[in-house]
Amino acid sequence: VILPSEPLIEHINDSKKVTELRRTKLAPIIEAQALAIGYGWCTNGEIDELNILNATKKAFRQAYFAMEHDCSHVLIDAVKGLDIPAEQHSIIHGDALSYLIGAASIAAKVKRDTYMCRMAEKYPEYGFERNKGYGTAEHIAALKKYGSAPNTLSAIQHSATQTKPSRV
């Protein structure tokens, strides 16, 4: 996500530290204020084939190009070595330390969770409306009992970028 330096959106933080209700209120504000935003997706099959790190890199690349906006610098939550034409700044715990990465993590989490709730209608036995496909006891038990649900989303990556120096 590329956001203007002002106005700052209140309550931006690591998506895991923001309540679900607040995330669902923040995501449309982030999208409305964004100069550009992109999402990247990988299925559980792609993760199995590529491994989680390479699937994350693939999804980040998709998100970067989905923005359709030139940017010279990209802020990344911990991952290094992306195949994108921008200077990369990997920040450990970036979603908690960087306003831009935090905003991107919120938008991505809401997008992913919304998708998983739609998958709950198709695959009710997995409890996606409650666990969103994360490794909860409920989800692990469903995987053991039913195997992997076909075509479900296992990874989403957000792109946190900036085109000029800004608050990080």
Protein backbone atom coordinates (compact mmCIF):
# COMPACT_ATOMS: atom_id res chain seq x y z
CA VAL A 1 0.00 0.00 0.00
CA ILE A 2 1.19 3.49 -0.80
CA LEU A 3 -0.36 6.04 1.54
CA PRO A 4 0.01 9.80 1.60
CA SER A 5 2.07 11.17 4.49
CA GLU A 6 -1.06 12.94 5.76
CA PRO A 7 -3.62 12.43 7.09
CA LEU A 8 -2.40 9.57 9.27
CA ILE A 9 -5.00 6.91 9.97
CA GLU A 10 -5.47 6.31 13.69
CA HIS A 11 -5.06 2.85 15.23
CA ILE A 12 -2.75 1.44 12.55
CA ASN A 13 -0.64 -1.31 14.10
CA ASP A 14 0.36 -4.92 13.56
CA SER A 15 -2.85 -6.58 12.31
CA LYS A 16 -2.49 -9.26 14.99
CA LYS A 17 -2.66 -6.55 17.68
CA VAL A 18 -5.79 -4.91 16.29
CA THR A 19 -9.20 -6.42 17.03
CA GLU A 20 -11.17 -7.97 14.19
CA LEU A 21 -13.84 -5.27 14.52
CA ARG A 22 -11.28 -2.48 14.31
CA ARG A 23 -9.51 -4.14 11.35
CA THR A 24 -12.77 -4.36 9.42
CA LYS A 25 -13.35 -0.65 10.06
CA LEU A 26 -9.79 0.33 9.16
CA ALA A 27 -9.42 -1.67 5.92
CA PRO A 28 -11.86 0.43 3.84
CA ILE A 29 -10.28 3.63 5.18
CA ILE A 30 -6.83 2.36 4.20
CA GLU A 31 -8.08 1.39 0.73
CA ALA A 32 -9.86 4.74 0.27
CA GLN A 33 -6.79 6.79 1.26
CA ALA A 34 -4.28 4.61 -0.59
CA LEU A 35 -2.55 6.10 -3.59
CA ALA A 36 -2.06 2.47 -4.65
CA ILE A 37 -2.70 -0.93 -3.12
CA GLY A 38 -2.02 -4.44 -4.34
CA TYR A 39 -2.75 -7.95 -3.13
CA GLY A 40 -1.02 -11.20 -3.93
CA TRP A 41 -2.42 -14.68 -3.36
CA CYS A 42 -1.07 -18.20 -3.19
CA THR A 43 -3.13 -21.35 -2.80
CA ASN A 44 -2.33 -24.14 -0.39
CA GLY A 45 -1.08 -26.15 -3.39
CA GLU A 46 1.39 -23.41 -4.31
CA ILE A 47 2.64 -23.28 -0.73
CA ASP A 48 3.11 -27.05 -0.73
CA GLU A 49 5.00 -26.81 -4.02
CA LEU A 50 7.10 -23.70 -3.32
CA ASN A 51 7.32 -23.71 0.54
CA ILE A 52 5.92 -20.88 2.67
CA LEU A 53 8.85 -18.49 2.19
CA ASN A 54 8.88 -18.74 -1.60
CA ALA A 55 5.07 -18.57 -1.75
CA THR A 56 5.25 -15.40 0.36
CA LYS A 57 7.79 -13.94 -2.05
CA LYS A 58 5.60 -14.89 -5.00
CA ALA A 59 2.52 -13.29 -3.40
CA PHE A 60 4.52 -10.14 -2.56
CA ARG A 61 5.66 -9.86 -6.18
CA GLN A 62 2.04 -10.19 -7.31
CA ALA A 63 0.98 -7.50 -4.82
CA TYR A 64 3.77 -5.18 -5.95
CA PHE A 65 2.80 -5.39 -9.63
CA ALA A 66 -0.95 -5.31 -8.86
CA MET A 67 -0.45 -1.77 -7.52
CA GLU A 68 0.33 -0.56 -11.04
CA HIS A 69 2.29 2.31 -9.54
CA ASP A 70 5.98 3.07 -9.74
CA CYS A 71 7.70 3.08 -6.40
CA SER A 72 11.37 3.30 -5.65
CA HIS A 73 11.41 1.84 -2.13
CA VAL A 74 9.57 -1.08 -0.59
CA LEU A 75 9.22 -1.72 3.12
CA ILE A 76 8.93 -5.42 3.91
CA ASP A 77 8.03 -7.28 7.07
CA ALA A 78 11.15 -9.43 7.58
CA VAL A 79 11.39 -11.02 4.11
CA LYS A 80 14.46 -10.37 1.96
CA GLY A 81 15.42 -10.94 -1.66
CA LEU A 82 12.22 -10.19 -3.55
CA ASP A 83 12.25 -10.23 -7.34
CA ILE A 84 10.90 -6.69 -7.79
CA PRO A 85 12.44 -3.54 -9.32
CA ALA A 86 12.61 -1.46 -6.14
CA GLU A 87 15.03 -0.88 -3.29
CA GLN A 88 14.00 -3.21 -0.47
CA HIS A 89 14.03 -2.45 3.24
CA SER A 90 13.36 -5.54 5.33
CA ILE A 91 12.23 -4.72 8.87
CA ILE A 92 11.95 -7.40 11.55
CA HIS A 93 8.53 -6.97 13.22
CA GLY A 94 7.81 -4.44 10.49
CA ASP A 95 4.05 -4.69 10.88
CA ALA A 96 4.41 -3.43 14.47
CA LEU A 97 7.19 -0.89 13.78
CA SER A 98 6.18 0.65 10.45
CA TYR A 99 2.97 2.59 9.86
CA LEU A 100 2.96 1.56 6.18
CA ILE A 101 3.59 -2.12 6.82
CA GLY A 102 0.99 -2.10 9.60
CA ALA A 103 -1.59 -0.56 7.25
CA ALA A 104 -0.76 -3.10 4.56
CA SER A 105 -0.99 -5.98 7.05
CA ILE A 106 -4.45 -4.84 8.16
CA ALA A 107 -5.75 -4.51 4.60
CA ALA A 108 -4.31 -7.92 3.66
CA LYS A 109 -5.63 -9.68 6.75
CA VAL A 110 -9.15 -8.34 6.18
CA LYS A 111 -9.01 -9.37 2.51
CA ARG A 112 -7.81 -12.86 3.45
CA ASP A 113 -10.28 -13.31 6.32
CA THR A 114 -13.17 -12.20 4.08
CA TYR A 115 -12.13 -14.79 1.52
CA MET A 116 -11.92 -17.50 4.17
CA CYS A 117 -15.43 -16.66 5.40
CA ARG A 118 -16.67 -17.15 1.83
CA MET A 119 -14.85 -20.50 1.76
CA ALA A 120 -16.67 -21.41 5.01
CA GLU A 121 -19.92 -21.43 3.04
CA LYS A 122 -18.41 -23.86 0.53
CA TYR A 123 -16.56 -26.00 3.11
CA PRO A 124 -18.49 -25.71 6.43
CA GLU A 125 -16.70 -28.71 7.98
CA TYR A 126 -13.48 -26.66 8.32
CA GLY A 127 -14.92 -23.86 10.49
CA PHE A 128 -13.21 -21.18 8.38
CA GLU A 129 -15.68 -18.55 9.61
CA ARG A 130 -14.12 -19.00 13.06
CA ASN A 131 -10.49 -20.00 12.44
CA LYS A 132 -9.88 -18.32 9.04
CA GLY A 133 -7.66 -21.27 8.14
CA TYR A 134 -5.05 -20.49 10.77
CA GLY A 135 -3.44 -23.36 12.68
CA THR A 136 -5.97 -23.52 15.51
CA ALA A 137 -6.84 -26.83 17.16
CA GLU A 138 -10.18 -26.77 15.30
CA HIS A 139 -8.52 -26.27 11.93
CA ILE A 140 -5.83 -28.89 12.53
CA ALA A 141 -8.50 -31.42 13.57
CA ALA A 142 -10.47 -30.66 10.37
CA LEU A 143 -7.34 -31.12 8.25
CA LYS A 144 -6.67 -34.49 9.88
CA LYS A 145 -10.27 -35.59 9.37
CA TYR A 146 -10.99 -34.18 5.89
CA GLY A 147 -7.60 -33.35 4.38
CA SER A 148 -6.90 -30.01 2.70
CA ALA A 149 -9.88 -28.16 1.25
CA PRO A 150 -9.41 -27.71 -2.50
CA ASN A 151 -8.50 -24.24 -3.80
CA THR A 152 -8.40 -22.62 -0.40
CA LEU A 153 -6.22 -19.66 0.22
CA SER A 154 -3.23 -20.30 2.38
CA ALA A 155 -1.24 -17.11 1.98
CA ILE A 156 -1.85 -13.51 1.17
CA GLN A 157 0.85 -10.91 1.00
CA HIS A 158 0.52 -7.21 1.16
CA SER A 159 2.82 -4.73 -0.42
CA ALA A 160 3.97 -1.89 1.80
CA THR A 161 5.73 0.69 -0.28
CA GLN A 162 6.76 4.26 -0.37
CA THR A 163 7.77 6.49 -3.23
CA LYS A 164 9.61 9.06 -1.16
CA PRO A 165 10.78 9.36 2.44
CA SER A 166 7.83 9.17 4.77
CA ARG A 167 7.02 8.14 8.31
CA VAL A 168 8.00 4.52 8.84
